[in-house]
Amino acid sequence: MRRVTASDFSEALRDSAPVLFGYIPLGMAFGVLFQSLGHHWIFAPLAGLLIYAGSAQFMAVGLLAAGASYAEAFISTLVLNSRHIFYGLSVMSRYPAHGLSRWYLIFGLTDETYSLITARPPQSPGTVRYYVFLTGLNQSYWVIGCALGASLQSLYAFDSRGFEFALVALFLVLLIEQVRTMDERWLLAVALSASVLAYLLIPNQFLLVAIGMCLVTLFVRVCTGGEHG
């Protein structure tokens, strides 16, 4: 029996609570930094609404302040967000095959939303509605944070040092939840080992290198029939 929409929304609201407490202060930090460049405050929430890429938006602030070209901004953003290619494909089978909801879910996929989506059984009743509510709520938190930070900075300049730690705390909470629901804990050991090794070898691009190492490990395991062992 399919659950009603209200249940899907309340469940998404509950599950997105950690993201709420991370995205609001992070969005405020972005809004403060963006508005300090002299732009109108309304462009900060618009960036959260139309771009919705937290780390890329922070990087854009630095590039704008440094007078970088559009080409530099494009290449930097492409490299930074290329990680979405690796894990985005793994949730495509969970999304509807067509329709506006599919395209919005693709647009609104972030690291935090991915973590929450993959923690839910893919065949649960009302799954697609839950995904849409979850993605929409997470984006709304970010947009609200951007608006609050930019509007407050336009009225009163204040020191935002320390806001960025909210992102670290948010990732830790989501990691703990992922570990609690994982069936194969060895994957965590592989990810941690790959991250440390990649950082030691290529610190400037360790994220992409670590992801590549994990993919190679999983590919070898599949080819050798390890998924059945």
C-alpha atoms as a PDB file:
ATOM      1  CA  MET A   1       0.000   0.000   0.000  1.00  0.00           C
ATOM      2  CA  ARG A   2       1.407   3.371  -1.056  1.00  0.00           C
ATOM      3  CA  ARG A   3       1.963   5.961   1.611  1.00  0.00           C
ATOM      4  CA  VAL A   4       0.336   9.351   1.325  1.00  0.00           C
ATOM      5  CA  THR A   5       2.262  12.421   0.234  1.00  0.00           C
ATOM      6  CA  ALA A   6       2.198  13.939   3.721  1.00  0.00           C
ATOM      7  CA  SER A   7       4.094  10.923   5.033  1.00  0.00           C
ATOM      8  CA  ASP A   8       6.702  11.240   2.283  1.00  0.00           C
ATOM      9  CA  PHE A   9       7.159  14.922   3.080  1.00  0.00           C
ATOM     10  CA  SER A  10       7.411  14.449   6.834  1.00  0.00           C
ATOM     11  CA  GLU A  11       9.939  11.656   6.346  1.00  0.00           C
ATOM     12  CA  ALA A  12      12.009  13.813   3.988  1.00  0.00           C
ATOM     13  CA  LEU A  13      11.788  16.718   6.443  1.00  0.00           C
ATOM     14  CA  ARG A  14      13.052  14.507   9.269  1.00  0.00           C
ATOM     15  CA  ASP A  15      15.878  12.994   7.238  1.00  0.00           C
ATOM     16  CA  SER A  16      17.011  16.374   5.900  1.00  0.00           C
ATOM     17  CA  ALA A  17      17.409  17.897   9.380  1.00  0.00           C
ATOM     18  CA  PRO A  18      21.222  17.415   9.428  1.00  0.00           C
ATOM     19  CA  VAL A  19      21.435  19.145   6.047  1.00  0.00           C
ATOM     20  CA  LEU A  20      19.325  22.013   7.378  1.00  0.00           C
ATOM     21  CA  PHE A  21      21.818  22.712  10.163  1.00  0.00           C
ATOM     22  CA  GLY A  22      24.697  22.539   7.686  1.00  0.00           C
ATOM     23  CA  TYR A  23      23.274  24.382   4.685  1.00  0.00           C
ATOM     24  CA  ILE A  24      21.832  27.385   6.527  1.00  0.00           C
ATOM     25  CA  PRO A  25      25.149  28.577   8.050  1.00  0.00           C
ATOM     26  CA  LEU A  26      27.101  27.583   4.935  1.00  0.00           C
ATOM     27  CA  GLY A  27      24.645  29.443   2.724  1.00  0.00           C
ATOM     28  CA  MET A  28      24.911  32.456   5.026  1.00  0.00           C
ATOM     29  CA  ALA A  29      28.707  32.346   4.735  1.00  0.00           C
ATOM     30  CA  PHE A  30      28.422  32.310   0.946  1.00  0.00           C
ATOM     31  CA  GLY A  31      25.905  35.162   1.006  1.00  0.00           C
ATOM     32  CA  VAL A  32      28.199  37.261   3.192  1.00  0.00           C
ATOM     33  CA  LEU A  33      31.220  36.645   0.960  1.00  0.00           C
ATOM     34  CA  PHE A  34      29.268  37.218  -2.246  1.00  0.00           C
ATOM     35  CA  GLN A  35      27.637  40.425  -1.099  1.00  0.00           C
ATOM     36  CA  SER A  36      30.970  41.754   0.179  1.00  0.00           C
ATOM     37  CA  LEU A  37      32.123  41.906  -3.462  1.00  0.00           C
ATOM     38  CA  GLY A  38      29.641  44.724  -4.005  1.00  0.00           C
ATOM     39  CA  HIS A  39      26.891  42.838  -5.816  1.00  0.00           C
ATOM     40  CA  HIS A  40      23.226  43.244  -4.938  1.00  0.00           C
ATOM     41  CA  TRP A  41      22.198  40.802  -2.201  1.00  0.00           C
ATOM     42  CA  ILE A  42      19.447  39.251  -4.334  1.00  0.00           C
ATOM     43  CA  PHE A  43      22.031  37.583  -6.605  1.00  0.00           C
ATOM     44  CA  ALA A  44      23.229  35.334  -3.770  1.00  0.00           C
ATOM     45  CA  PRO A  45      19.916  33.444  -3.352  1.00  0.00           C
ATOM     46  CA  LEU A  46      19.482  33.480  -7.138  1.00  0.00           C
ATOM     47  CA  ALA A  47      22.817  31.681  -7.428  1.00  0.00           C
ATOM     48  CA  GLY A  48      21.567  29.107  -4.929  1.00  0.00           C
ATOM     49  CA  LEU A  49      18.353  28.701  -6.901  1.00  0.00           C
ATOM     50  CA  LEU A  50      19.794  28.513 -10.434  1.00  0.00           C
ATOM     51  CA  ILE A  51      23.317  27.161  -9.861  1.00  0.00           C
ATOM     52  CA  TYR A  52      22.993  25.265  -6.567  1.00  0.00           C
ATOM     53  CA  ALA A  53      26.585  24.101  -6.227  1.00  0.00           C
ATOM     54  CA  GLY A  54      27.901  24.969  -2.791  1.00  0.00           C
ATOM     55  CA  SER A  55      31.633  24.397  -3.203  1.00  0.00           C
ATOM     56  CA  ALA A  56      31.586  25.777  -6.750  1.00  0.00           C
ATOM     57  CA  GLN A  57      29.770  28.898  -5.558  1.00  0.00           C
ATOM     58  CA  PHE A  58      32.402  29.487  -2.878  1.00  0.00           C
ATOM     59  CA  MET A  59      35.114  29.020  -5.487  1.00  0.00           C
ATOM     60  CA  ALA A  60      33.339  31.461  -7.800  1.00  0.00           C
ATOM     61  CA  VAL A  61      33.540  34.134  -5.099  1.00  0.00           C
ATOM     62  CA  GLY A  62      37.314  33.756  -4.981  1.00  0.00           C
ATOM     63  CA  LEU A  63      37.611  33.766  -8.759  1.00  0.00           C
ATOM     64  CA  LEU A  64      35.485  36.895  -9.062  1.00  0.00           C
ATOM     65  CA  ALA A  65      37.531  38.634  -6.387  1.00  0.00           C
ATOM     66  CA  ALA A  66      40.749  37.699  -8.209  1.00  0.00           C
ATOM     67  CA  GLY A  67      39.436  38.903 -11.571  1.00  0.00           C
ATOM     68  CA  ALA A  68      39.614  35.467 -13.211  1.00  0.00           C
ATOM     69  CA  SER A  69      38.398  34.980 -16.779  1.00  0.00           C
ATOM     70  CA  TYR A  70      35.269  33.082 -17.755  1.00  0.00           C
ATOM     71  CA  ALA A  71      37.435  30.303 -19.196  1.00  0.00           C
ATOM     72  CA  GLU A  72      39.272  29.880 -15.897  1.00  0.00           C
ATOM     73  CA  ALA A  73      35.993  29.839 -14.008  1.00  0.00           C
ATOM     74  CA  PHE A  74      34.540  27.233 -16.400  1.00  0.00           C
ATOM     75  CA  ILE A  75      37.524  24.884 -16.188  1.00  0.00           C
ATOM     76  CA  SER A  76      37.789  25.203 -12.405  1.00  0.00           C
ATOM     77  CA  THR A  77      34.088  24.513 -11.931  1.00  0.00           C
ATOM     78  CA  LEU A  78      34.198  21.541 -14.316  1.00  0.00           C
ATOM     79  CA  VAL A  79      37.097  19.946 -12.440  1.00  0.00           C
ATOM     80  CA  LEU A  80      35.562  20.610  -9.037  1.00  0.00           C
ATOM     81  CA  ASN A  81      32.146  19.175  -9.929  1.00  0.00           C
ATOM     82  CA  SER A  82      33.427  16.238 -12.000  1.00  0.00           C
ATOM     83  CA  ARG A  83      32.963  14.044  -8.925  1.00  0.00           C
ATOM     84  CA  HIS A  84      29.213  14.132  -9.621  1.00  0.00           C
ATOM     85  CA  ILE A  85      29.824  12.076 -12.765  1.00  0.00           C
ATOM     86  CA  PHE A  86      31.085   9.157 -10.699  1.00  0.00           C
ATOM     87  CA  TYR A  87      28.348   8.878  -8.102  1.00  0.00           C
ATOM     88  CA  GLY A  88      25.502  10.471 -10.063  1.00  0.00           C
ATOM     89  CA  LEU A  89      25.311   7.504 -12.428  1.00  0.00           C
ATOM     90  CA  SER A  90      24.786   5.141  -9.502  1.00  0.00           C
ATOM     91  CA  VAL A  91      21.399   6.679  -8.640  1.00  0.00           C
ATOM     92  CA  MET A  92      19.983   7.020 -12.151  1.00  0.00           C
ATOM     93  CA  SER A  93      18.192   3.677 -11.842  1.00  0.00           C
ATOM     94  CA  ARG A  94      16.389   5.008  -8.756  1.00  0.00           C
ATOM     95  CA  TYR A  95      15.005   8.034 -10.601  1.00  0.00           C
ATOM     96  CA  PRO A  96      11.966   8.033 -12.924  1.00  0.00           C
ATOM     97  CA  ALA A  97      12.741   7.310 -16.574  1.00  0.00           C
ATOM     98  CA  HIS A  98      11.291  10.616 -17.797  1.00  0.00           C
ATOM     99  CA  GLY A  99       9.454  13.732 -16.717  1.00  0.00           C
ATOM    100  CA  LEU A 100      10.288  16.974 -14.932  1.00  0.00           C
ATOM    101  CA  SER A 101      10.948  15.198 -11.639  1.00  0.00           C
ATOM    102  CA  ARG A 102      13.818  13.253 -13.223  1.00  0.00           C
ATOM    103  CA  TRP A 103      15.513  16.411 -14.513  1.00  0.00           C
ATOM    104  CA  TYR A 104      15.046  18.247 -11.240  1.00  0.00           C
ATOM    105  CA  LEU A 105      16.469  15.312  -9.261  1.00  0.00           C
ATOM    106  CA  ILE A 106      19.505  15.291 -11.542  1.00  0.00           C
ATOM    107  CA  PHE A 107      19.954  19.057 -11.161  1.00  0.00           C
ATOM    108  CA  GLY A 108      19.474  18.983  -7.395  1.00  0.00           C
ATOM    109  CA  LEU A 109      21.829  16.084  -6.639  1.00  0.00           C
ATOM    110  CA  THR A 110      24.469  17.158  -4.107  1.00  0.00           C
ATOM    111  CA  ASP A 111      26.877  15.211  -1.923  1.00  0.00           C
ATOM    112  CA  GLU A 112      24.516  15.425   1.028  1.00  0.00           C
ATOM    113  CA  THR A 113      21.390  14.568  -0.958  1.00  0.00           C
ATOM    114  CA  TYR A 114      23.172  11.595  -2.506  1.00  0.00           C
ATOM    115  CA  SER A 115      24.109  10.318   0.938  1.00  0.00           C
ATOM    116  CA  LEU A 116      20.509  10.454   2.135  1.00  0.00           C
ATOM    117  CA  ILE A 117      19.088   8.948  -1.069  1.00  0.00           C
ATOM    118  CA  THR A 118      21.417   5.959  -1.019  1.00  0.00           C
ATOM    119  CA  ALA A 119      20.596   5.312   2.651  1.00  0.00           C
ATOM    120  CA  ARG A 120      16.966   4.545   1.659  1.00  0.00           C
ATOM    121  CA  PRO A 121      15.941   1.185   0.128  1.00  0.00           C
ATOM    122  CA  PRO A 122      15.378   1.823  -3.615  1.00  0.00           C
ATOM    123  CA  GLN A 123      12.049  -0.039  -3.776  1.00  0.00           C
ATOM    124  CA  SER A 124      10.375   1.617  -0.788  1.00  0.00           C
ATOM    125  CA  PRO A 125       6.782   2.871  -1.346  1.00  0.00           C
ATOM    126  CA  GLY A 126       6.595   6.514  -2.358  1.00  0.00           C
ATOM    127  CA  THR A 127      10.321   6.598  -3.110  1.00  0.00           C
ATOM    128  CA  VAL A 128      10.202   9.072  -6.011  1.00  0.00           C
ATOM    129  CA  ARG A 129       8.014  11.523  -4.070  1.00  0.00           C
ATOM    130  CA  TYR A 130      10.388  11.215  -1.142  1.00  0.00           C
ATOM    131  CA  TYR A 131      13.363  11.964  -3.414  1.00  0.00           C
ATOM    132  CA  VAL A 132      11.670  15.075  -4.802  1.00  0.00           C
ATOM    133  CA  PHE A 133      10.726  16.376  -1.365  1.00  0.00           C
ATOM    134  CA  LEU A 134      14.185  15.634   0.005  1.00  0.00           C
ATOM    135  CA  THR A 135      15.952  17.356  -2.884  1.00  0.00           C
ATOM    136  CA  GLY A 136      13.619  20.361  -2.752  1.00  0.00           C
ATOM    137  CA  LEU A 137      13.982  20.771   1.008  1.00  0.00           C
ATOM    138  CA  ASN A 138      17.766  20.598   0.831  1.00  0.00           C
ATOM    139  CA  GLN A 139      17.884  23.225  -1.898  1.00  0.00           C
ATOM    140  CA  SER A 140      15.484  25.459   0.021  1.00  0.00           C
ATOM    141  CA  TYR A 141      17.808  25.368   3.041  1.00  0.00           C
ATOM    142  CA  TRP A 142      20.698  26.481   0.883  1.00  0.00           C
ATOM    143  CA  VAL A 143      18.740  29.279  -0.819  1.00  0.00           C
ATOM    144  CA  ILE A 144      17.429  30.558   2.530  1.00  0.00           C
ATOM    145  CA  GLY A 145      20.956  30.575   3.940  1.00  0.00           C
ATOM    146  CA  CYS A 146      22.281  32.496   0.928  1.00  0.00           C
ATOM    147  CA  ALA A 147      19.490  35.056   1.250  1.00  0.00           C
ATOM    148  CA  LEU A 148      19.990  35.514   4.989  1.00  0.00           C
ATOM    149  CA  GLY A 149      23.751  35.948   4.750  1.00  0.00           C
ATOM    150  CA  ALA A 150      23.660  38.384   1.833  1.00  0.00           C
ATOM    151  CA  SER A 151      20.833  40.481   3.272  1.00  0.00           C
ATOM    152  CA  LEU A 152      22.420  40.676   6.714  1.00  0.00           C
ATOM    153  CA  GLN A 153      25.787  41.605   5.241  1.00  0.00           C
ATOM    154  CA  SER A 154      24.131  44.378   3.238  1.00  0.00           C
ATOM    155  CA  LEU A 155      22.762  45.818   6.483  1.00  0.00           C
ATOM    156  CA  TYR A 156      25.604  45.078   8.849  1.00  0.00           C
ATOM    157  CA  ALA A 157      29.130  43.843   8.065  1.00  0.00           C
ATOM    158  CA  PHE A 158      30.143  41.032  10.404  1.00  0.00           C
ATOM    159  CA  ASP A 159      32.919  38.466  10.703  1.00  0.00           C
ATOM    160  CA  SER A 160      31.918  35.061   9.288  1.00  0.00           C
ATOM    161  CA  ARG A 161      35.059  33.148  10.251  1.00  0.00           C
ATOM    162  CA  GLY A 162      34.228  29.635  11.425  1.00  0.00           C
ATOM    163  CA  PHE A 163      31.080  29.236   9.306  1.00  0.00           C
ATOM    164  CA  GLU A 164      32.878  26.867   6.939  1.00  0.00           C
ATOM    165  CA  PHE A 165      33.297  24.259   9.698  1.00  0.00           C
ATOM    166  CA  ALA A 166      29.583  23.496   9.369  1.00  0.00           C
ATOM    167  CA  LEU A 167      30.382  21.653   6.123  1.00  0.00           C
ATOM    168  CA  VAL A 168      32.870  19.383   7.883  1.00  0.00           C
ATOM    169  CA  ALA A 169      30.408  18.651  10.681  1.00  0.00           C
ATOM    170  CA  LEU A 170      27.651  17.912   8.160  1.00  0.00           C
ATOM    171  CA  PHE A 171      29.802  15.432   6.250  1.00  0.00           C
ATOM    172  CA  LEU A 172      30.733  13.667   9.493  1.00  0.00           C
ATOM    173  CA  VAL A 173      27.075  13.237  10.475  1.00  0.00           C
ATOM    174  CA  LEU A 174      26.194  11.847   7.040  1.00  0.00           C
ATOM    175  CA  LEU A 175      29.214   9.532   7.108  1.00  0.00           C
ATOM    176  CA  ILE A 176      28.118   8.086  10.436  1.00  0.00           C
ATOM    177  CA  GLU A 177      24.623   7.455   9.071  1.00  0.00           C
ATOM    178  CA  GLN A 178      26.060   5.776   5.981  1.00  0.00           C
ATOM    179  CA  VAL A 179      28.301   3.501   8.057  1.00  0.00           C
ATOM    180  CA  ARG A 180      25.343   2.459  10.212  1.00  0.00           C
ATOM    181  CA  THR A 181      23.382   1.309   7.147  1.00  0.00           C
ATOM    182  CA  MET A 182      26.261  -0.282   5.195  1.00  0.00           C
ATOM    183  CA  ASP A 183      26.182  -4.045   4.660  1.00  0.00           C
ATOM    184  CA  GLU A 184      29.800  -4.230   3.513  1.00  0.00           C
ATOM    185  CA  ARG A 185      32.039  -2.272   5.872  1.00  0.00           C
ATOM    186  CA  TRP A 186      35.137  -3.115   3.830  1.00  0.00           C
ATOM    187  CA  LEU A 187      34.061  -0.427   1.364  1.00  0.00           C
ATOM    188  CA  LEU A 188      34.698   2.182   4.047  1.00  0.00           C
ATOM    189  CA  ALA A 189      38.224   0.850   4.568  1.00  0.00           C
ATOM    190  CA  VAL A 190      38.840   1.028   0.801  1.00  0.00           C
ATOM    191  CA  ALA A 191      37.575   4.618   0.623  1.00  0.00           C
ATOM    192  CA  LEU A 192      39.669   5.760   3.594  1.00  0.00           C
ATOM    193  CA  SER A 193      42.809   4.035   2.306  1.00  0.00           C
ATOM    194  CA  ALA A 194      42.348   5.481  -1.185  1.00  0.00           C
ATOM    195  CA  SER A 195      41.816   8.980   0.220  1.00  0.00           C
ATOM    196  CA  VAL A 196      44.961   8.884   2.358  1.00  0.00           C
ATOM    197  CA  LEU A 197      47.093   7.420  -0.435  1.00  0.00           C
ATOM    198  CA  ALA A 198      45.784   9.886  -3.022  1.00  0.00           C
ATOM    199  CA  TYR A 199      46.425  12.820  -0.681  1.00  0.00           C
ATOM    200  CA  LEU A 200      50.011  11.681  -0.142  1.00  0.00           C
ATOM    201  CA  LEU A 201      50.617  11.209  -3.866  1.00  0.00           C
ATOM    202  CA  ILE A 202      48.671  14.084  -5.471  1.00  0.00           C
ATOM    203  CA  PRO A 203      47.350  16.457  -2.782  1.00  0.00           C
ATOM    204  CA  ASN A 204      46.016  19.023  -5.274  1.00  0.00           C
ATOM    205  CA  GLN A 205      43.705  16.510  -6.985  1.00  0.00           C
ATOM    206  CA  PHE A 206      43.385  13.860  -4.324  1.00  0.00           C
ATOM    207  CA  LEU A 207      39.578  13.673  -4.506  1.00  0.00           C
ATOM    208  CA  LEU A 208      39.482  12.661  -8.167  1.00  0.00           C
ATOM    209  CA  VAL A 209      42.416  10.281  -7.699  1.00  0.00           C
ATOM    210  CA  ALA A 210      40.763   8.682  -4.658  1.00  0.00           C
ATOM    211  CA  ILE A 211      37.500   8.222  -6.555  1.00  0.00           C
ATOM    212  CA  GLY A 212      39.425   6.651  -9.422  1.00  0.00           C
ATOM    213  CA  MET A 213      41.133   4.228  -7.047  1.00  0.00           C
ATOM    214  CA  CYS A 214      37.804   3.201  -5.555  1.00  0.00           C
ATOM    215  CA  LEU A 215      36.302   2.650  -9.004  1.00  0.00           C
ATOM    216  CA  VAL A 216      39.253   0.486 -10.056  1.00  0.00           C
ATOM    217  CA  THR A 217      38.920  -1.569  -6.863  1.00  0.00           C
ATOM    218  CA  LEU A 218      35.194  -2.113  -7.422  1.00  0.00           C
ATOM    219  CA  PHE A 219      35.743  -2.909 -11.107  1.00  0.00           C
ATOM    220  CA  VAL A 220      38.364  -5.543 -10.255  1.00  0.00           C
ATOM    221  CA  ARG A 221      36.065  -7.041  -7.632  1.00  0.00           C
ATOM    222  CA  VAL A 222      33.194  -7.306 -10.110  1.00  0.00           C
ATOM    223  CA  CYS A 223      35.392  -8.784 -12.834  1.00  0.00           C
ATOM    224  CA  THR A 224      36.763 -11.429 -10.461  1.00  0.00           C
ATOM    225  CA  GLY A 225      33.287 -12.357  -9.250  1.00  0.00           C
ATOM    226  CA  GLY A 226      33.874 -10.904  -5.785  1.00  0.00           C
ATOM    227  CA  GLU A 227      30.326  -9.554  -5.553  1.00  0.00           C
ATOM    228  CA  HIS A 228      29.099 -13.096  -5.140  1.00  0.00           C
ATOM    229  CA  GLY A 229      31.680 -14.074  -2.558  1.00  0.00           C
END
